[in-house]
Amino acid sequence: MELNALTLLQTIPGIDRIGAAMLLVEIGITMSDFRGADALASWSGLCPGNNESAGKRRHGKSRKGNPYVRRLLCEFANAAIKTRCAIQAKYQALVIRTGRKRAIIACAHKMLRIIFHMLSRKQAYRDTTVDIEALIVKRNAPRWIRALTRHGLLPSAAATR
Protein backbone atom coordinates (compact mmCIF):
# COMPACT_ATOMS: atom_id res chain seq x y z
CA MET A 1 0.00 0.00 0.00
CA GLU A 2 1.50 3.30 -1.08
CA LEU A 3 0.72 6.34 1.02
CA ASN A 4 0.49 9.83 -0.38
CA ALA A 5 3.02 12.49 0.63
CA LEU A 6 0.65 14.26 3.03
CA THR A 7 0.01 11.07 4.99
CA LEU A 8 3.70 10.16 4.97
CA LEU A 9 4.73 13.45 6.56
CA GLN A 10 2.16 13.07 9.32
CA THR A 11 3.91 9.91 10.54
CA ILE A 12 6.81 12.05 11.83
CA PRO A 13 6.32 13.26 15.41
CA GLY A 14 5.61 16.99 15.56
CA ILE A 15 4.05 17.33 12.09
CA ASP A 16 0.29 17.77 11.78
CA ARG A 17 -1.91 17.86 8.69
CA ILE A 18 -1.78 21.61 8.09
CA GLY A 19 1.97 21.79 8.68
CA ALA A 20 2.56 18.89 6.31
CA ALA A 21 0.46 20.58 3.64
CA MET A 22 2.32 23.88 4.05
CA LEU A 23 5.68 22.11 3.80
CA LEU A 24 4.65 20.21 0.68
CA VAL A 25 3.58 23.47 -0.95
CA GLU A 26 7.07 24.85 -0.40
CA ILE A 27 9.33 21.87 -1.19
CA GLY A 28 7.09 19.87 -3.53
CA ILE A 29 6.23 16.20 -3.60
CA THR A 30 9.01 14.90 -5.85
CA MET A 31 12.51 15.03 -4.44
CA SER A 32 14.14 14.65 -7.85
CA ASP A 33 14.52 18.45 -7.98
CA PHE A 34 17.29 18.17 -5.37
CA ARG A 35 20.56 16.24 -5.78
CA GLY A 36 20.28 14.88 -2.27
CA ALA A 37 19.27 15.64 1.30
CA ASP A 38 22.25 17.99 1.62
CA ALA A 39 21.05 20.07 -1.33
CA LEU A 40 17.56 20.32 0.17
CA ALA A 41 19.02 21.37 3.53
CA SER A 42 21.19 23.97 1.82
CA TRP A 43 18.25 25.33 -0.18
CA SER A 44 16.13 25.62 2.95
CA GLY A 45 18.91 27.29 4.94
CA LEU A 46 19.20 24.55 7.55
CA CYS A 47 22.64 23.25 6.66
CA PRO A 48 25.16 23.73 9.44
CA GLY A 49 27.76 26.41 8.91
CA ASN A 50 31.41 25.44 8.98
CA ASN A 51 34.11 27.90 9.93
CA GLU A 52 37.41 26.08 10.40
CA SER A 53 40.88 27.49 10.06
CA ALA A 54 44.26 26.35 11.42
CA GLY A 55 42.62 23.39 13.15
CA LYS A 56 40.19 25.54 15.16
CA ARG A 57 36.48 25.08 14.64
CA ARG A 58 34.14 27.97 15.20
CA HIS A 59 30.39 27.91 14.89
CA GLY A 60 29.34 29.14 11.50
CA LYS A 61 26.07 30.82 10.67
CA SER A 62 23.41 28.96 8.74
CA ARG A 63 22.41 30.34 5.36
CA LYS A 64 19.25 32.36 4.97
CA GLY A 65 17.59 29.94 2.55
CA ASN A 66 13.83 29.62 2.28
CA PRO A 67 12.41 31.37 5.35
CA TYR A 68 9.05 29.57 5.24
CA VAL A 69 10.56 26.08 5.22
CA ARG A 70 13.02 27.07 7.91
CA ARG A 71 10.28 28.40 10.20
CA LEU A 72 8.04 25.40 9.59
CA LEU A 73 10.79 22.93 10.39
CA CYS A 74 11.77 24.82 13.54
CA GLU A 75 8.12 24.63 14.68
CA PHE A 76 8.03 20.92 13.87
CA ALA A 77 11.27 20.40 15.83
CA ASN A 78 9.86 22.30 18.82
CA ALA A 79 6.82 20.03 18.80
CA ALA A 80 8.86 16.85 18.24
CA ILE A 81 11.15 17.43 21.22
CA LYS A 82 8.10 17.15 23.47
CA THR A 83 7.42 13.56 22.33
CA ARG A 84 9.37 10.38 22.96
CA CYS A 85 11.31 9.90 19.72
CA ALA A 86 14.80 9.96 18.22
CA ILE A 87 14.49 13.71 17.60
CA GLN A 88 13.96 14.33 21.32
CA ALA A 89 17.03 12.21 22.10
CA LYS A 90 19.12 14.27 19.65
CA TYR A 91 17.83 17.50 21.18
CA GLN A 92 18.66 16.40 24.71
CA ALA A 93 22.16 15.37 23.65
CA LEU A 94 22.84 18.71 21.94
CA VAL A 95 21.11 21.23 24.21
CA ILE A 96 23.71 20.83 26.96
CA ARG A 97 26.64 21.60 24.66
CA THR A 98 25.20 24.05 22.16
CA GLY A 99 22.17 25.72 23.72
CA ARG A 100 18.48 25.61 22.92
CA LYS A 101 18.37 27.50 19.62
CA ARG A 102 21.24 25.64 17.96
CA ALA A 103 19.83 22.32 19.15
CA ILE A 104 16.45 23.19 17.58
CA ILE A 105 18.16 24.04 14.27
CA ALA A 106 20.04 20.72 14.39
CA CYS A 107 16.78 18.84 15.04
CA ALA A 108 15.08 20.70 12.19
CA HIS A 109 17.99 19.71 9.93
CA LYS A 110 17.59 16.07 11.00
CA MET A 111 13.84 16.23 10.32
CA LEU A 112 14.44 17.70 6.86
CA ARG A 113 16.85 14.86 6.00
CA ILE A 114 14.25 12.35 7.23
CA ILE A 115 11.57 14.04 5.11
CA PHE A 116 13.78 13.93 2.01
CA HIS A 117 14.40 10.20 2.35
CA MET A 118 10.76 9.46 3.20
CA LEU A 119 9.43 11.29 0.17
CA SER A 120 12.03 9.87 -2.21
CA ARG A 121 11.47 6.28 -1.00
CA LYS A 122 7.71 6.65 -0.34
CA GLN A 123 8.05 5.00 3.08
CA ALA A 124 6.49 6.02 6.39
CA TYR A 125 8.63 7.16 9.31
CA ARG A 126 9.87 4.41 11.63
CA ASP A 127 11.42 5.59 14.87
CA THR A 128 14.48 3.63 15.91
CA THR A 129 14.17 4.34 19.63
CA VAL A 130 10.44 3.98 20.34
CA ASP A 131 7.81 1.52 19.12
CA ILE A 132 5.04 3.96 18.11
CA GLU A 133 2.41 1.27 17.53
CA ALA A 134 2.91 -0.12 21.05
CA LEU A 135 2.54 3.37 22.53
CA ILE A 136 -0.68 3.97 20.59
CA VAL A 137 -2.13 0.64 21.70
CA LYS A 138 -1.11 1.23 25.33
CA ARG A 139 -2.70 4.68 25.31
CA ASN A 140 -5.92 3.71 23.49
CA ALA A 141 -6.57 0.12 24.67
CA PRO A 142 -8.73 1.04 27.71
CA ARG A 143 -10.91 3.29 25.54
CA TRP A 144 -11.24 0.59 22.89
CA ILE A 145 -12.24 -2.01 25.49
CA ARG A 146 -14.85 0.33 27.00
CA ALA A 147 -16.33 0.98 23.53
CA LEU A 148 -16.48 -2.73 22.68
CA THR A 149 -18.13 -3.48 26.03
CA ARG A 150 -20.64 -0.65 25.57
CA HIS A 151 -21.65 -2.00 22.15
CA GLY A 152 -22.00 -5.54 23.50
CA LEU A 153 -19.10 -7.04 21.57
CA LEU A 154 -17.23 -7.89 24.77
CA PRO A 155 -18.84 -9.21 27.95
CA SER A 156 -18.82 -6.69 30.79
CA ALA A 157 -16.71 -7.35 33.88
CA ALA A 158 -19.82 -7.64 36.11
CA ALA A 159 -21.45 -10.26 33.81
CA THR A 160 -18.41 -12.55 33.83
CA ARG A 161 -18.42 -12.98 37.64
C-alpha atoms as a PDB file:
ATOM      1  CA  MET A   1       0.000   0.000   0.000  1.00  0.00           C
ATOM      2  CA  GLU A   2       1.503   3.296  -1.076  1.00  0.00           C
ATOM      3  CA  LEU A   3       0.719   6.342   1.016  1.00  0.00           C
ATOM      4  CA  ASN A   4       0.487   9.829  -0.375  1.00  0.00           C
ATOM      5  CA  ALA A   5       3.021  12.486   0.634  1.00  0.00           C
ATOM      6  CA  LEU A   6       0.646  14.261   3.030  1.00  0.00           C
ATOM      7  CA  THR A   7       0.014  11.071   4.988  1.00  0.00           C
ATOM      8  CA  LEU A   8       3.702  10.164   4.966  1.00  0.00           C
ATOM      9  CA  LEU A   9       4.727  13.447   6.557  1.00  0.00           C
ATOM     10  CA  GLN A  10       2.159  13.072   9.319  1.00  0.00           C
ATOM     11  CA  THR A  11       3.909   9.914  10.541  1.00  0.00           C
ATOM     12  CA  ILE A  12       6.807  12.046  11.828  1.00  0.00           C
ATOM     13  CA  PRO A  13       6.322  13.262  15.413  1.00  0.00           C
ATOM     14  CA  GLY A  14       5.610  16.988  15.562  1.00  0.00           C
ATOM     15  CA  ILE A  15       4.049  17.328  12.089  1.00  0.00           C
ATOM     16  CA  ASP A  16       0.293  17.770  11.782  1.00  0.00           C
ATOM     17  CA  ARG A  17      -1.913  17.856   8.689  1.00  0.00           C
ATOM     18  CA  ILE A  18      -1.784  21.614   8.089  1.00  0.00           C
ATOM     19  CA  GLY A  19       1.971  21.791   8.681  1.00  0.00           C
ATOM     20  CA  ALA A  20       2.561  18.889   6.315  1.00  0.00           C
ATOM     21  CA  ALA A  21       0.457  20.584   3.641  1.00  0.00           C
ATOM     22  CA  MET A  22       2.324  23.877   4.053  1.00  0.00           C
ATOM     23  CA  LEU A  23       5.677  22.111   3.804  1.00  0.00           C
ATOM     24  CA  LEU A  24       4.651  20.208   0.679  1.00  0.00           C
ATOM     25  CA  VAL A  25       3.576  23.474  -0.950  1.00  0.00           C
ATOM     26  CA  GLU A  26       7.072  24.854  -0.400  1.00  0.00           C
ATOM     27  CA  ILE A  27       9.328  21.868  -1.194  1.00  0.00           C
ATOM     28  CA  GLY A  28       7.086  19.874  -3.534  1.00  0.00           C
ATOM     29  CA  ILE A  29       6.234  16.200  -3.599  1.00  0.00           C
ATOM     30  CA  THR A  30       9.011  14.904  -5.846  1.00  0.00           C
ATOM     31  CA  MET A  31      12.506  15.032  -4.435  1.00  0.00           C
ATOM     32  CA  SER A  32      14.139  14.650  -7.846  1.00  0.00           C
ATOM     33  CA  ASP A  33      14.520  18.451  -7.985  1.00  0.00           C
ATOM     34  CA  PHE A  34      17.288  18.165  -5.375  1.00  0.00           C
ATOM     35  CA  ARG A  35      20.560  16.240  -5.777  1.00  0.00           C
ATOM     36  CA  GLY A  36      20.275  14.877  -2.265  1.00  0.00           C
ATOM     37  CA  ALA A  37      19.272  15.635   1.300  1.00  0.00           C
ATOM     38  CA  ASP A  38      22.247  17.989   1.625  1.00  0.00           C
ATOM     39  CA  ALA A  39      21.047  20.067  -1.330  1.00  0.00           C
ATOM     40  CA  LEU A  40      17.564  20.323   0.173  1.00  0.00           C
ATOM     41  CA  ALA A  41      19.020  21.366   3.530  1.00  0.00           C
ATOM     42  CA  SER A  42      21.189  23.965   1.824  1.00  0.00           C
ATOM     43  CA  TRP A  43      18.251  25.332  -0.180  1.00  0.00           C
ATOM     44  CA  SER A  44      16.128  25.618   2.948  1.00  0.00           C
ATOM     45  CA  GLY A  45      18.907  27.286   4.940  1.00  0.00           C
ATOM     46  CA  LEU A  46      19.200  24.551   7.555  1.00  0.00           C
ATOM     47  CA  CYS A  47      22.644  23.253   6.661  1.00  0.00           C
ATOM     48  CA  PRO A  48      25.163  23.732   9.444  1.00  0.00           C
ATOM     49  CA  GLY A  49      27.756  26.410   8.912  1.00  0.00           C
ATOM     50  CA  ASN A  50      31.411  25.440   8.980  1.00  0.00           C
ATOM     51  CA  ASN A  51      34.114  27.902   9.926  1.00  0.00           C
ATOM     52  CA  GLU A  52      37.413  26.084  10.402  1.00  0.00           C
ATOM     53  CA  SER A  53      40.880  27.493  10.058  1.00  0.00           C
ATOM     54  CA  ALA A  54      44.256  26.352  11.421  1.00  0.00           C
ATOM     55  CA  GLY A  55      42.624  23.390  13.154  1.00  0.00           C
ATOM     56  CA  LYS A  56      40.195  25.544  15.165  1.00  0.00           C
ATOM     57  CA  ARG A  57      36.484  25.083  14.636  1.00  0.00           C
ATOM     58  CA  ARG A  58      34.145  27.967  15.200  1.00  0.00           C
ATOM     59  CA  HIS A  59      30.393  27.905  14.895  1.00  0.00           C
ATOM     60  CA  GLY A  60      29.341  29.140  11.504  1.00  0.00           C
ATOM     61  CA  LYS A  61      26.070  30.821  10.674  1.00  0.00           C
ATOM     62  CA  SER A  62      23.405  28.964   8.739  1.00  0.00           C
ATOM     63  CA  ARG A  63      22.415  30.339   5.362  1.00  0.00           C
ATOM     64  CA  LYS A  64      19.249  32.356   4.965  1.00  0.00           C
ATOM     65  CA  GLY A  65      17.592  29.938   2.545  1.00  0.00           C
ATOM     66  CA  ASN A  66      13.826  29.624   2.276  1.00  0.00           C
ATOM     67  CA  PRO A  67      12.406  31.369   5.355  1.00  0.00           C
ATOM     68  CA  TYR A  68       9.049  29.569   5.243  1.00  0.00           C
ATOM     69  CA  VAL A  69      10.557  26.084   5.217  1.00  0.00           C
ATOM     70  CA  ARG A  70      13.017  27.067   7.908  1.00  0.00           C
ATOM     71  CA  ARG A  71      10.283  28.402  10.200  1.00  0.00           C
ATOM     72  CA  LEU A  72       8.045  25.402   9.594  1.00  0.00           C
ATOM     73  CA  LEU A  73      10.787  22.925  10.393  1.00  0.00           C
ATOM     74  CA  CYS A  74      11.769  24.821  13.541  1.00  0.00           C
ATOM     75  CA  GLU A  75       8.123  24.633  14.682  1.00  0.00           C
ATOM     76  CA  PHE A  76       8.034  20.915  13.875  1.00  0.00           C
ATOM     77  CA  ALA A  77      11.267  20.395  15.828  1.00  0.00           C
ATOM     78  CA  ASN A  78       9.862  22.296  18.822  1.00  0.00           C
ATOM     79  CA  ALA A  79       6.822  20.028  18.797  1.00  0.00           C
ATOM     80  CA  ALA A  80       8.861  16.853  18.239  1.00  0.00           C
ATOM     81  CA  ILE A  81      11.146  17.428  21.220  1.00  0.00           C
ATOM     82  CA  LYS A  82       8.102  17.152  23.474  1.00  0.00           C
ATOM     83  CA  THR A  83       7.419  13.561  22.329  1.00  0.00           C
ATOM     84  CA  ARG A  84       9.371  10.377  22.957  1.00  0.00           C
ATOM     85  CA  CYS A  85      11.306   9.895  19.721  1.00  0.00           C
ATOM     86  CA  ALA A  86      14.801   9.957  18.219  1.00  0.00           C
ATOM     87  CA  ILE A  87      14.489  13.706  17.602  1.00  0.00           C
ATOM     88  CA  GLN A  88      13.962  14.326  21.315  1.00  0.00           C
ATOM     89  CA  ALA A  89      17.029  12.212  22.098  1.00  0.00           C
ATOM     90  CA  LYS A  90      19.121  14.266  19.652  1.00  0.00           C
ATOM     91  CA  TYR A  91      17.825  17.496  21.178  1.00  0.00           C
ATOM     92  CA  GLN A  92      18.658  16.402  24.713  1.00  0.00           C
ATOM     93  CA  ALA A  93      22.160  15.373  23.651  1.00  0.00           C
ATOM     94  CA  LEU A  94      22.837  18.714  21.943  1.00  0.00           C
ATOM     95  CA  VAL A  95      21.114  21.232  24.207  1.00  0.00           C
ATOM     96  CA  ILE A  96      23.708  20.831  26.958  1.00  0.00           C
ATOM     97  CA  ARG A  97      26.637  21.600  24.661  1.00  0.00           C
ATOM     98  CA  THR A  98      25.199  24.055  22.159  1.00  0.00           C
ATOM     99  CA  GLY A  99      22.174  25.724  23.715  1.00  0.00           C
ATOM    100  CA  ARG A 100      18.484  25.605  22.916  1.00  0.00           C
ATOM    101  CA  LYS A 101      18.372  27.499  19.616  1.00  0.00           C
ATOM    102  CA  ARG A 102      21.242  25.640  17.964  1.00  0.00           C
ATOM    103  CA  ALA A 103      19.832  22.320  19.154  1.00  0.00           C
ATOM    104  CA  ILE A 104      16.453  23.191  17.580  1.00  0.00           C
ATOM    105  CA  ILE A 105      18.161  24.041  14.270  1.00  0.00           C
ATOM    106  CA  ALA A 106      20.045  20.715  14.394  1.00  0.00           C
ATOM    107  CA  CYS A 107      16.777  18.836  15.040  1.00  0.00           C
ATOM    108  CA  ALA A 108      15.083  20.705  12.193  1.00  0.00           C
ATOM    109  CA  HIS A 109      17.994  19.706   9.926  1.00  0.00           C
ATOM    110  CA  LYS A 110      17.586  16.074  11.004  1.00  0.00           C
ATOM    111  CA  MET A 111      13.836  16.227  10.315  1.00  0.00           C
ATOM    112  CA  LEU A 112      14.437  17.697   6.856  1.00  0.00           C
ATOM    113  CA  ARG A 113      16.852  14.864   6.000  1.00  0.00           C
ATOM    114  CA  ILE A 114      14.252  12.351   7.225  1.00  0.00           C
ATOM    115  CA  ILE A 115      11.569  14.043   5.108  1.00  0.00           C
ATOM    116  CA  PHE A 116      13.780  13.928   2.006  1.00  0.00           C
ATOM    117  CA  HIS A 117      14.398  10.198   2.347  1.00  0.00           C
ATOM    118  CA  MET A 118      10.758   9.458   3.204  1.00  0.00           C
ATOM    119  CA  LEU A 119       9.432  11.294   0.167  1.00  0.00           C
ATOM    120  CA  SER A 120      12.031   9.872  -2.209  1.00  0.00           C
ATOM    121  CA  ARG A 121      11.467   6.276  -0.996  1.00  0.00           C
ATOM    122  CA  LYS A 122       7.707   6.648  -0.337  1.00  0.00           C
ATOM    123  CA  GLN A 123       8.048   4.995   3.079  1.00  0.00           C
ATOM    124  CA  ALA A 124       6.494   6.016   6.390  1.00  0.00           C
ATOM    125  CA  TYR A 125       8.634   7.156   9.313  1.00  0.00           C
ATOM    126  CA  ARG A 126       9.873   4.413  11.626  1.00  0.00           C
ATOM    127  CA  ASP A 127      11.423   5.592  14.866  1.00  0.00           C
ATOM    128  CA  THR A 128      14.485   3.628  15.914  1.00  0.00           C
ATOM    129  CA  THR A 129      14.172   4.339  19.632  1.00  0.00           C
ATOM    130  CA  VAL A 130      10.439   3.978  20.343  1.00  0.00           C
ATOM    131  CA  ASP A 131       7.809   1.525  19.120  1.00  0.00           C
ATOM    132  CA  ILE A 132       5.044   3.961  18.112  1.00  0.00           C
ATOM    133  CA  GLU A 133       2.410   1.268  17.530  1.00  0.00           C
ATOM    134  CA  ALA A 134       2.912  -0.119  21.047  1.00  0.00           C
ATOM    135  CA  LEU A 135       2.540   3.372  22.533  1.00  0.00           C
ATOM    136  CA  ILE A 136      -0.676   3.969  20.591  1.00  0.00           C
ATOM    137  CA  VAL A 137      -2.131   0.639  21.702  1.00  0.00           C
ATOM    138  CA  LYS A 138      -1.112   1.233  25.327  1.00  0.00           C
ATOM    139  CA  ARG A 139      -2.702   4.679  25.307  1.00  0.00           C
ATOM    140  CA  ASN A 140      -5.918   3.713  23.494  1.00  0.00           C
ATOM    141  CA  ALA A 141      -6.575   0.116  24.666  1.00  0.00           C
ATOM    142  CA  PRO A 142      -8.727   1.040  27.706  1.00  0.00           C
ATOM    143  CA  ARG A 143     -10.906   3.286  25.545  1.00  0.00           C
ATOM    144  CA  TRP A 144     -11.243   0.591  22.887  1.00  0.00           C
ATOM    145  CA  ILE A 145     -12.244  -2.005  25.494  1.00  0.00           C
ATOM    146  CA  ARG A 146     -14.855   0.332  26.999  1.00  0.00           C
ATOM    147  CA  ALA A 147     -16.326   0.982  23.527  1.00  0.00           C
ATOM    148  CA  LEU A 148     -16.479  -2.727  22.682  1.00  0.00           C
ATOM    149  CA  THR A 149     -18.133  -3.478  26.032  1.00  0.00           C
ATOM    150  CA  ARG A 150     -20.639  -0.648  25.566  1.00  0.00           C
ATOM    151  CA  HIS A 151     -21.652  -2.000  22.151  1.00  0.00           C
ATOM    152  CA  GLY A 152     -22.005  -5.539  23.501  1.00  0.00           C
ATOM    153  CA  LEU A 153     -19.099  -7.036  21.566  1.00  0.00           C
ATOM    154  CA  LEU A 154     -17.226  -7.885  24.767  1.00  0.00           C
ATOM    155  CA  PRO A 155     -18.838  -9.207  27.947  1.00  0.00           C
ATOM    156  CA  SER A 156     -18.817  -6.693  30.788  1.00  0.00           C
ATOM    157  CA  ALA A 157     -16.711  -7.352  33.880  1.00  0.00           C
ATOM    158  CA  ALA A 158     -19.822  -7.635  36.115  1.00  0.00           C
ATOM    159  CA  ALA A 159     -21.450 -10.257  33.810  1.00  0.00           C
ATOM    160  CA  THR A 160     -18.409 -12.548  33.834  1.00  0.00           C
ATOM    161  CA  ARG A 161     -18.423 -12.977  37.643  1.00  0.00           C
END
